[in-house]
Amino acid sequence: MTQSATHTRHLIFSPAIRIFHWLRALSILVLVVTGFYISWPFLVAPETNDIQVQSYIRFAHLVFGFLLTAITLVRVYLFFFSRSDIERRSFKDVMSIKSWITQLKSYVWSGHLHKAGIYGPLQFMTYLAISVVAIFICITGLALYANVYHQGLGGAIWEVSNWFIALMGGLAPVRLWHHYLTWVFIIFTVIHVYMAVWSGIRFKHNSVDSIVSGYDYHKH
């Protein structure tokens, strides 16, 4: 006796998107941990002159900061120019009042979610907002980097960084905004993980495993 498949699968996330997603997640994790340590180096006593731990932490922060910057730029490029338009199609739902109502109703257990692309309108706008935050936190990070390292890349972007720092009202406000945006990432990550798990339970598809395997499953 043969059994027919009860679900069909669709490739929604390309290998590039999945790789960059997890690299970005790793970068954010390392940057948050190292960033808080740089602001409060609790592993070394204040009276000691041992700066090696701080230098290692700073180096990791710089490496993953540049990684996050590169990934942010590549993801912007892929959104507009990737051969797959599944992300770009989501913009249709953003412009549809009906899609907004459908998604908001689905979040209160009323009806099902139907999307033109991979993201619902609320998801799309949330990811757009966090992408803008990512760009801004990278800019503030580069400005802080150029203020310390005056050769190489730091020297190349010094003039632009100096203009940006002046525009922000000085180096202190740039540091504060860099810190505030870190908390935006932390809050977003908590909500993002919760909603990804909740969505898989609520709709029985488009769950966390899709960003690992790339496939979404739909019942016949």
C-alpha atoms as a PDB file:
ATOM      1  CA  MET A   1       0.000   0.000   0.000  1.00  0.00           C
ATOM      2  CA  THR A   2       1.479   3.293  -1.087  1.00  0.00           C
ATOM      3  CA  GLN A   3       1.123   6.441   0.885  1.00  0.00           C
ATOM      4  CA  SER A   4       0.941   9.864  -0.729  1.00  0.00           C
ATOM      5  CA  ALA A   5       2.758  12.851   0.696  1.00  0.00           C
ATOM      6  CA  THR A   6       0.637  15.047   2.916  1.00  0.00           C
ATOM      7  CA  HIS A   7       2.808  18.155   2.486  1.00  0.00           C
ATOM      8  CA  THR A   8       4.625  19.897  -0.322  1.00  0.00           C
ATOM      9  CA  ARG A   9       7.856  21.766   0.227  1.00  0.00           C
ATOM     10  CA  HIS A  10       9.006  25.003  -1.345  1.00  0.00           C
ATOM     11  CA  LEU A  11      12.474  26.509  -1.318  1.00  0.00           C
ATOM     12  CA  ILE A  12      12.082  29.975   0.213  1.00  0.00           C
ATOM     13  CA  PHE A  13      15.556  30.811   1.511  1.00  0.00           C
ATOM     14  CA  SER A  14      18.550  30.432  -0.785  1.00  0.00           C
ATOM     15  CA  PRO A  15      21.849  29.119   0.638  1.00  0.00           C
ATOM     16  CA  ALA A  16      23.274  32.655   0.537  1.00  0.00           C
ATOM     17  CA  ILE A  17      20.427  34.096   2.608  1.00  0.00           C
ATOM     18  CA  ARG A  18      20.690  31.265   5.159  1.00  0.00           C
ATOM     19  CA  ILE A  19      24.464  31.592   5.495  1.00  0.00           C
ATOM     20  CA  PHE A  20      24.295  35.366   5.891  1.00  0.00           C
ATOM     21  CA  HIS A  21      21.452  35.049   8.400  1.00  0.00           C
ATOM     22  CA  TRP A  22      23.476  32.844  10.735  1.00  0.00           C
ATOM     23  CA  LEU A  23      26.680  34.823  10.224  1.00  0.00           C
ATOM     24  CA  ARG A  24      24.766  37.973  11.121  1.00  0.00           C
ATOM     25  CA  ALA A  25      23.297  36.263  14.194  1.00  0.00           C
ATOM     26  CA  LEU A  26      26.791  35.195  15.270  1.00  0.00           C
ATOM     27  CA  SER A  27      28.145  38.695  14.637  1.00  0.00           C
ATOM     28  CA  ILE A  28      25.414  40.327  16.711  1.00  0.00           C
ATOM     29  CA  LEU A  29      25.977  37.890  19.578  1.00  0.00           C
ATOM     30  CA  VAL A  30      29.745  38.480  19.639  1.00  0.00           C
ATOM     31  CA  LEU A  31      29.354  42.246  19.226  1.00  0.00           C
ATOM     32  CA  VAL A  32      26.854  42.526  22.070  1.00  0.00           C
ATOM     33  CA  VAL A  33      29.010  40.494  24.465  1.00  0.00           C
ATOM     34  CA  THR A  34      32.283  42.194  23.537  1.00  0.00           C
ATOM     35  CA  GLY A  35      30.656  45.629  23.407  1.00  0.00           C
ATOM     36  CA  PHE A  36      29.364  45.366  26.950  1.00  0.00           C
ATOM     37  CA  TYR A  37      32.736  44.105  28.113  1.00  0.00           C
ATOM     38  CA  ILE A  38      34.555  47.020  26.447  1.00  0.00           C
ATOM     39  CA  SER A  39      32.273  49.421  28.305  1.00  0.00           C
ATOM     40  CA  TRP A  40      32.848  47.550  31.592  1.00  0.00           C
ATOM     41  CA  PRO A  41      36.052  45.436  31.580  1.00  0.00           C
ATOM     42  CA  PHE A  42      35.208  43.400  34.659  1.00  0.00           C
ATOM     43  CA  LEU A  43      37.779  40.621  34.046  1.00  0.00           C
ATOM     44  CA  VAL A  44      40.715  42.878  34.894  1.00  0.00           C
ATOM     45  CA  ALA A  45      41.116  44.754  38.169  1.00  0.00           C
ATOM     46  CA  PRO A  46      41.172  48.568  37.795  1.00  0.00           C
ATOM     47  CA  GLU A  47      44.612  48.881  39.415  1.00  0.00           C
ATOM     48  CA  THR A  48      46.345  46.422  37.062  1.00  0.00           C
ATOM     49  CA  ASN A  49      48.262  47.369  33.915  1.00  0.00           C
ATOM     50  CA  ASP A  50      47.383  44.124  32.127  1.00  0.00           C
ATOM     51  CA  ILE A  51      45.609  45.258  28.962  1.00  0.00           C
ATOM     52  CA  GLN A  52      45.856  42.039  26.936  1.00  0.00           C
ATOM     53  CA  VAL A  53      42.356  40.819  27.766  1.00  0.00           C
ATOM     54  CA  GLN A  54      40.874  44.148  26.710  1.00  0.00           C
ATOM     55  CA  SER A  55      42.912  44.146  23.501  1.00  0.00           C
ATOM     56  CA  TYR A  56      41.684  40.652  22.572  1.00  0.00           C
ATOM     57  CA  ILE A  57      38.087  41.655  23.245  1.00  0.00           C
ATOM     58  CA  ARG A  58      38.487  44.818  21.186  1.00  0.00           C
ATOM     59  CA  PHE A  59      40.027  42.853  18.322  1.00  0.00           C
ATOM     60  CA  ALA A  60      37.078  40.436  18.289  1.00  0.00           C
ATOM     61  CA  HIS A  61      34.696  43.412  18.361  1.00  0.00           C
ATOM     62  CA  LEU A  62      36.426  44.979  15.352  1.00  0.00           C
ATOM     63  CA  VAL A  63      36.510  41.751  13.330  1.00  0.00           C
ATOM     64  CA  PHE A  64      32.843  40.971  13.843  1.00  0.00           C
ATOM     65  CA  GLY A  65      31.925  44.624  13.416  1.00  0.00           C
ATOM     66  CA  PHE A  66      33.458  44.587   9.946  1.00  0.00           C
ATOM     67  CA  LEU A  67      31.731  41.245   9.292  1.00  0.00           C
ATOM     68  CA  LEU A  68      28.339  42.704  10.257  1.00  0.00           C
ATOM     69  CA  THR A  69      28.991  45.729   8.042  1.00  0.00           C
ATOM     70  CA  ALA A  70      29.862  43.504   5.064  1.00  0.00           C
ATOM     71  CA  ILE A  71      26.832  41.265   5.603  1.00  0.00           C
ATOM     72  CA  THR A  72      24.522  44.276   5.899  1.00  0.00           C
ATOM     73  CA  LEU A  73      25.760  45.643   2.569  1.00  0.00           C
ATOM     74  CA  VAL A  74      25.468  42.244   0.857  1.00  0.00           C
ATOM     75  CA  ARG A  75      21.938  41.673   2.184  1.00  0.00           C
ATOM     76  CA  VAL A  76      20.837  45.059   0.848  1.00  0.00           C
ATOM     77  CA  TYR A  77      22.286  44.097  -2.535  1.00  0.00           C
ATOM     78  CA  LEU A  78      20.604  40.670  -2.512  1.00  0.00           C
ATOM     79  CA  PHE A  79      17.231  42.166  -1.643  1.00  0.00           C
ATOM     80  CA  PHE A  80      17.248  44.353  -4.747  1.00  0.00           C
ATOM     81  CA  PHE A  81      19.228  42.227  -7.202  1.00  0.00           C
ATOM     82  CA  SER A  82      18.848  38.576  -6.180  1.00  0.00           C
ATOM     83  CA  ARG A  83      17.481  36.298  -8.906  1.00  0.00           C
ATOM     84  CA  SER A  84      14.803  35.155  -6.474  1.00  0.00           C
ATOM     85  CA  ASP A  85      12.155  37.811  -5.912  1.00  0.00           C
ATOM     86  CA  ILE A  86      10.462  36.098  -2.973  1.00  0.00           C
ATOM     87  CA  GLU A  87      11.591  38.844  -0.587  1.00  0.00           C
ATOM     88  CA  ARG A  88      10.726  41.675  -2.982  1.00  0.00           C
ATOM     89  CA  ARG A  89       7.240  40.230  -3.543  1.00  0.00           C
ATOM     90  CA  SER A  90       6.494  40.861   0.122  1.00  0.00           C
ATOM     91  CA  PHE A  91       6.311  44.574  -0.645  1.00  0.00           C
ATOM     92  CA  LYS A  92       2.953  43.937  -2.346  1.00  0.00           C
ATOM     93  CA  ASP A  93       1.464  43.005   1.016  1.00  0.00           C
ATOM     94  CA  VAL A  94       2.871  46.146   2.627  1.00  0.00           C
ATOM     95  CA  MET A  95       0.859  48.230   0.166  1.00  0.00           C
ATOM     96  CA  SER A  96      -2.331  46.221   0.763  1.00  0.00           C
ATOM     97  CA  ILE A  97      -4.630  47.193   3.623  1.00  0.00           C
ATOM     98  CA  LYS A  98      -6.308  43.795   3.294  1.00  0.00           C
ATOM     99  CA  SER A  99      -2.977  42.032   3.905  1.00  0.00           C
ATOM    100  CA  TRP A 100      -2.372  44.120   7.019  1.00  0.00           C
ATOM    101  CA  ILE A 101      -5.806  43.209   8.393  1.00  0.00           C
ATOM    102  CA  THR A 102      -5.283  39.537   7.522  1.00  0.00           C
ATOM    103  CA  GLN A 103      -1.945  39.379   9.323  1.00  0.00           C
ATOM    104  CA  LEU A 104      -3.139  41.245  12.404  1.00  0.00           C
ATOM    105  CA  LYS A 105      -6.211  38.983  12.612  1.00  0.00           C
ATOM    106  CA  SER A 106      -4.032  35.880  12.304  1.00  0.00           C
ATOM    107  CA  TYR A 107      -1.999  37.049  15.296  1.00  0.00           C
ATOM    108  CA  VAL A 108      -5.139  36.929  17.449  1.00  0.00           C
ATOM    109  CA  TRP A 109      -5.973  33.425  16.224  1.00  0.00           C
ATOM    110  CA  SER A 110      -8.533  34.590  13.678  1.00  0.00           C
ATOM    111  CA  GLY A 111      -8.029  33.175  10.204  1.00  0.00           C
ATOM    112  CA  HIS A 112      -4.872  32.178   8.376  1.00  0.00           C
ATOM    113  CA  LEU A 113      -1.982  34.175   7.027  1.00  0.00           C
ATOM    114  CA  HIS A 114      -1.643  34.491   3.256  1.00  0.00           C
ATOM    115  CA  LYS A 115       1.437  36.243   1.898  1.00  0.00           C
ATOM    116  CA  ALA A 116       2.514  37.271  -1.575  1.00  0.00           C
ATOM    117  CA  GLY A 117       6.156  36.721  -0.605  1.00  0.00           C
ATOM    118  CA  ILE A 118       7.977  35.275   2.336  1.00  0.00           C
ATOM    119  CA  TYR A 119       7.136  38.054   4.802  1.00  0.00           C
ATOM    120  CA  GLY A 120       3.842  39.450   5.961  1.00  0.00           C
ATOM    121  CA  PRO A 121       3.473  43.260   5.982  1.00  0.00           C
ATOM    122  CA  LEU A 122       4.283  43.592   9.677  1.00  0.00           C
ATOM    123  CA  GLN A 123       7.302  41.298   9.307  1.00  0.00           C
ATOM    124  CA  PHE A 124       8.504  43.223   6.273  1.00  0.00           C
ATOM    125  CA  MET A 125       8.331  46.593   8.013  1.00  0.00           C
ATOM    126  CA  THR A 126       9.995  45.173  11.137  1.00  0.00           C
ATOM    127  CA  TYR A 127      12.870  43.711   9.111  1.00  0.00           C
ATOM    128  CA  LEU A 128      13.161  46.957   7.173  1.00  0.00           C
ATOM    129  CA  ALA A 129      13.409  48.889  10.441  1.00  0.00           C
ATOM    130  CA  ILE A 130      16.058  46.554  11.888  1.00  0.00           C
ATOM    131  CA  SER A 131      18.000  46.795   8.609  1.00  0.00           C
ATOM    132  CA  VAL A 132      18.042  50.588   8.962  1.00  0.00           C
ATOM    133  CA  VAL A 133      19.198  50.135  12.561  1.00  0.00           C
ATOM    134  CA  ALA A 134      21.945  47.780  11.364  1.00  0.00           C
ATOM    135  CA  ILE A 135      23.142  50.331   8.807  1.00  0.00           C
ATOM    136  CA  PHE A 136      23.169  53.105  11.403  1.00  0.00           C
ATOM    137  CA  ILE A 137      24.962  51.027  14.046  1.00  0.00           C
ATOM    138  CA  CYS A 138      27.593  50.109  11.432  1.00  0.00           C
ATOM    139  CA  ILE A 139      28.055  53.790  10.549  1.00  0.00           C
ATOM    140  CA  THR A 140      28.443  54.794  14.197  1.00  0.00           C
ATOM    141  CA  GLY A 141      30.832  51.888  14.718  1.00  0.00           C
ATOM    142  CA  LEU A 142      32.982  52.946  11.763  1.00  0.00           C
ATOM    143  CA  ALA A 143      33.011  56.516  13.044  1.00  0.00           C
ATOM    144  CA  LEU A 144      34.245  55.311  16.444  1.00  0.00           C
ATOM    145  CA  TYR A 145      36.818  53.112  14.719  1.00  0.00           C
ATOM    146  CA  ALA A 146      38.187  55.989  12.629  1.00  0.00           C
ATOM    147  CA  ASN A 147      38.480  58.132  15.744  1.00  0.00           C
ATOM    148  CA  VAL A 148      40.933  55.603  17.253  1.00  0.00           C
ATOM    149  CA  TYR A 149      42.736  54.166  14.217  1.00  0.00           C
ATOM    150  CA  HIS A 150      44.040  56.924  11.957  1.00  0.00           C
ATOM    151  CA  GLN A 151      45.816  54.776   9.366  1.00  0.00           C
ATOM    152  CA  GLY A 152      44.577  52.281   6.787  1.00  0.00           C
ATOM    153  CA  LEU A 153      40.799  52.119   6.586  1.00  0.00           C
ATOM    154  CA  GLY A 154      40.452  54.459   9.563  1.00  0.00           C
ATOM    155  CA  GLY A 155      42.480  57.094   7.762  1.00  0.00           C
ATOM    156  CA  ALA A 156      40.548  56.566   4.525  1.00  0.00           C
ATOM    157  CA  ILE A 157      37.193  57.237   6.173  1.00  0.00           C
ATOM    158  CA  TRP A 158      38.420  59.820   8.674  1.00  0.00           C
ATOM    159  CA  GLU A 159      37.102  62.866   6.817  1.00  0.00           C
ATOM    160  CA  VAL A 160      33.634  61.369   6.398  1.00  0.00           C
ATOM    161  CA  SER A 161      33.665  60.095   9.979  1.00  0.00           C
ATOM    162  CA  ASN A 162      34.716  63.506  11.276  1.00  0.00           C
ATOM    163  CA  TRP A 163      31.825  65.105   9.396  1.00  0.00           C
ATOM    164  CA  PHE A 164      29.408  62.488  10.775  1.00  0.00           C
ATOM    165  CA  ILE A 165      30.656  62.951  14.348  1.00  0.00           C
ATOM    166  CA  ALA A 166      30.180  66.715  14.025  1.00  0.00           C
ATOM    167  CA  LEU A 167      26.690  66.148  12.611  1.00  0.00           C
ATOM    168  CA  MET A 168      25.809  63.964  15.616  1.00  0.00           C
ATOM    169  CA  GLY A 169      26.992  66.646  18.035  1.00  0.00           C
ATOM    170  CA  GLY A 170      30.302  65.094  19.046  1.00  0.00           C
ATOM    171  CA  LEU A 171      31.872  61.765  19.879  1.00  0.00           C
ATOM    172  CA  ALA A 172      29.846  61.218  23.080  1.00  0.00           C
ATOM    173  CA  PRO A 173      26.452  61.226  21.309  1.00  0.00           C
ATOM    174  CA  VAL A 174      27.850  58.816  18.695  1.00  0.00           C
ATOM    175  CA  ARG A 175      28.878  56.413  21.475  1.00  0.00           C
ATOM    176  CA  LEU A 176      25.484  56.777  23.154  1.00  0.00           C
ATOM    177  CA  TRP A 177      23.587  56.038  19.945  1.00  0.00           C
ATOM    178  CA  HIS A 178      25.862  53.058  19.308  1.00  0.00           C
ATOM    179  CA  HIS A 179      24.921  51.800  22.787  1.00  0.00           C
ATOM    180  CA  TYR A 180      21.191  52.509  22.412  1.00  0.00           C
ATOM    181  CA  LEU A 181      21.043  50.675  19.076  1.00  0.00           C
ATOM    182  CA  THR A 182      22.685  47.682  20.715  1.00  0.00           C
ATOM    183  CA  TRP A 183      19.653  47.447  22.985  1.00  0.00           C
ATOM    184  CA  VAL A 184      17.386  47.654  19.936  1.00  0.00           C
ATOM    185  CA  PHE A 185      19.171  44.569  18.564  1.00  0.00           C
ATOM    186  CA  ILE A 186      18.806  42.750  21.886  1.00  0.00           C
ATOM    187  CA  ILE A 187      15.078  43.477  22.139  1.00  0.00           C
ATOM    188  CA  PHE A 188      14.519  42.621  18.468  1.00  0.00           C
ATOM    189  CA  THR A 189      16.361  39.298  18.819  1.00  0.00           C
ATOM    190  CA  VAL A 190      14.212  38.201  21.759  1.00  0.00           C
ATOM    191  CA  ILE A 191      10.983  39.113  19.940  1.00  0.00           C
ATOM    192  CA  HIS A 192      12.226  37.654  16.647  1.00  0.00           C
ATOM    193  CA  VAL A 193      13.031  34.238  18.163  1.00  0.00           C
ATOM    194  CA  TYR A 194       9.731  34.161  20.050  1.00  0.00           C
ATOM    195  CA  MET A 195       7.673  35.062  16.957  1.00  0.00           C
ATOM    196  CA  ALA A 196       9.544  32.570  14.756  1.00  0.00           C
ATOM    197  CA  VAL A 197       8.737  29.743  17.178  1.00  0.00           C
ATOM    198  CA  TRP A 198       5.173  30.985  17.698  1.00  0.00           C
ATOM    199  CA  SER A 199       4.589  31.230  13.933  1.00  0.00           C
ATOM    200  CA  GLY A 200       5.659  27.623  13.425  1.00  0.00           C
ATOM    201  CA  ILE A 201       3.276  26.475  16.156  1.00  0.00           C
ATOM    202  CA  ARG A 202       0.419  28.718  15.026  1.00  0.00           C
ATOM    203  CA  PHE A 203       0.543  28.147  11.261  1.00  0.00           C
ATOM    204  CA  LYS A 204       2.339  24.766  11.121  1.00  0.00           C
ATOM    205  CA  HIS A 205       4.779  26.127   8.530  1.00  0.00           C
ATOM    206  CA  ASN A 206       7.310  28.905   7.964  1.00  0.00           C
ATOM    207  CA  SER A 207       8.931  27.905  11.234  1.00  0.00           C
ATOM    208  CA  VAL A 208      12.472  28.109  12.554  1.00  0.00           C
ATOM    209  CA  ASP A 209      13.707  25.110  10.569  1.00  0.00           C
ATOM    210  CA  SER A 210      13.090  26.944   7.274  1.00  0.00           C
ATOM    211  CA  ILE A 211      16.059  29.237   7.906  1.00  0.00           C
ATOM    212  CA  VAL A 212      18.166  26.091   8.428  1.00  0.00           C
ATOM    213  CA  SER A 213      16.965  23.873   5.585  1.00  0.00           C
ATOM    214  CA  GLY A 214      15.661  26.641   3.332  1.00  0.00           C
ATOM    215  CA  TYR A 215      12.358  24.840   2.787  1.00  0.00           C
ATOM    216  CA  ASP A 216       8.844  25.658   3.913  1.00  0.00           C
ATOM    217  CA  TYR A 217       6.170  22.958   4.086  1.00  0.00           C
ATOM    218  CA  HIS A 218       2.514  23.354   3.242  1.00  0.00           C
ATOM    219  CA  LYS A 219      -0.272  20.847   3.720  1.00  0.00           C
ATOM    220  CA  HIS A 220      -2.102  19.679   0.596  1.00  0.00           C
END
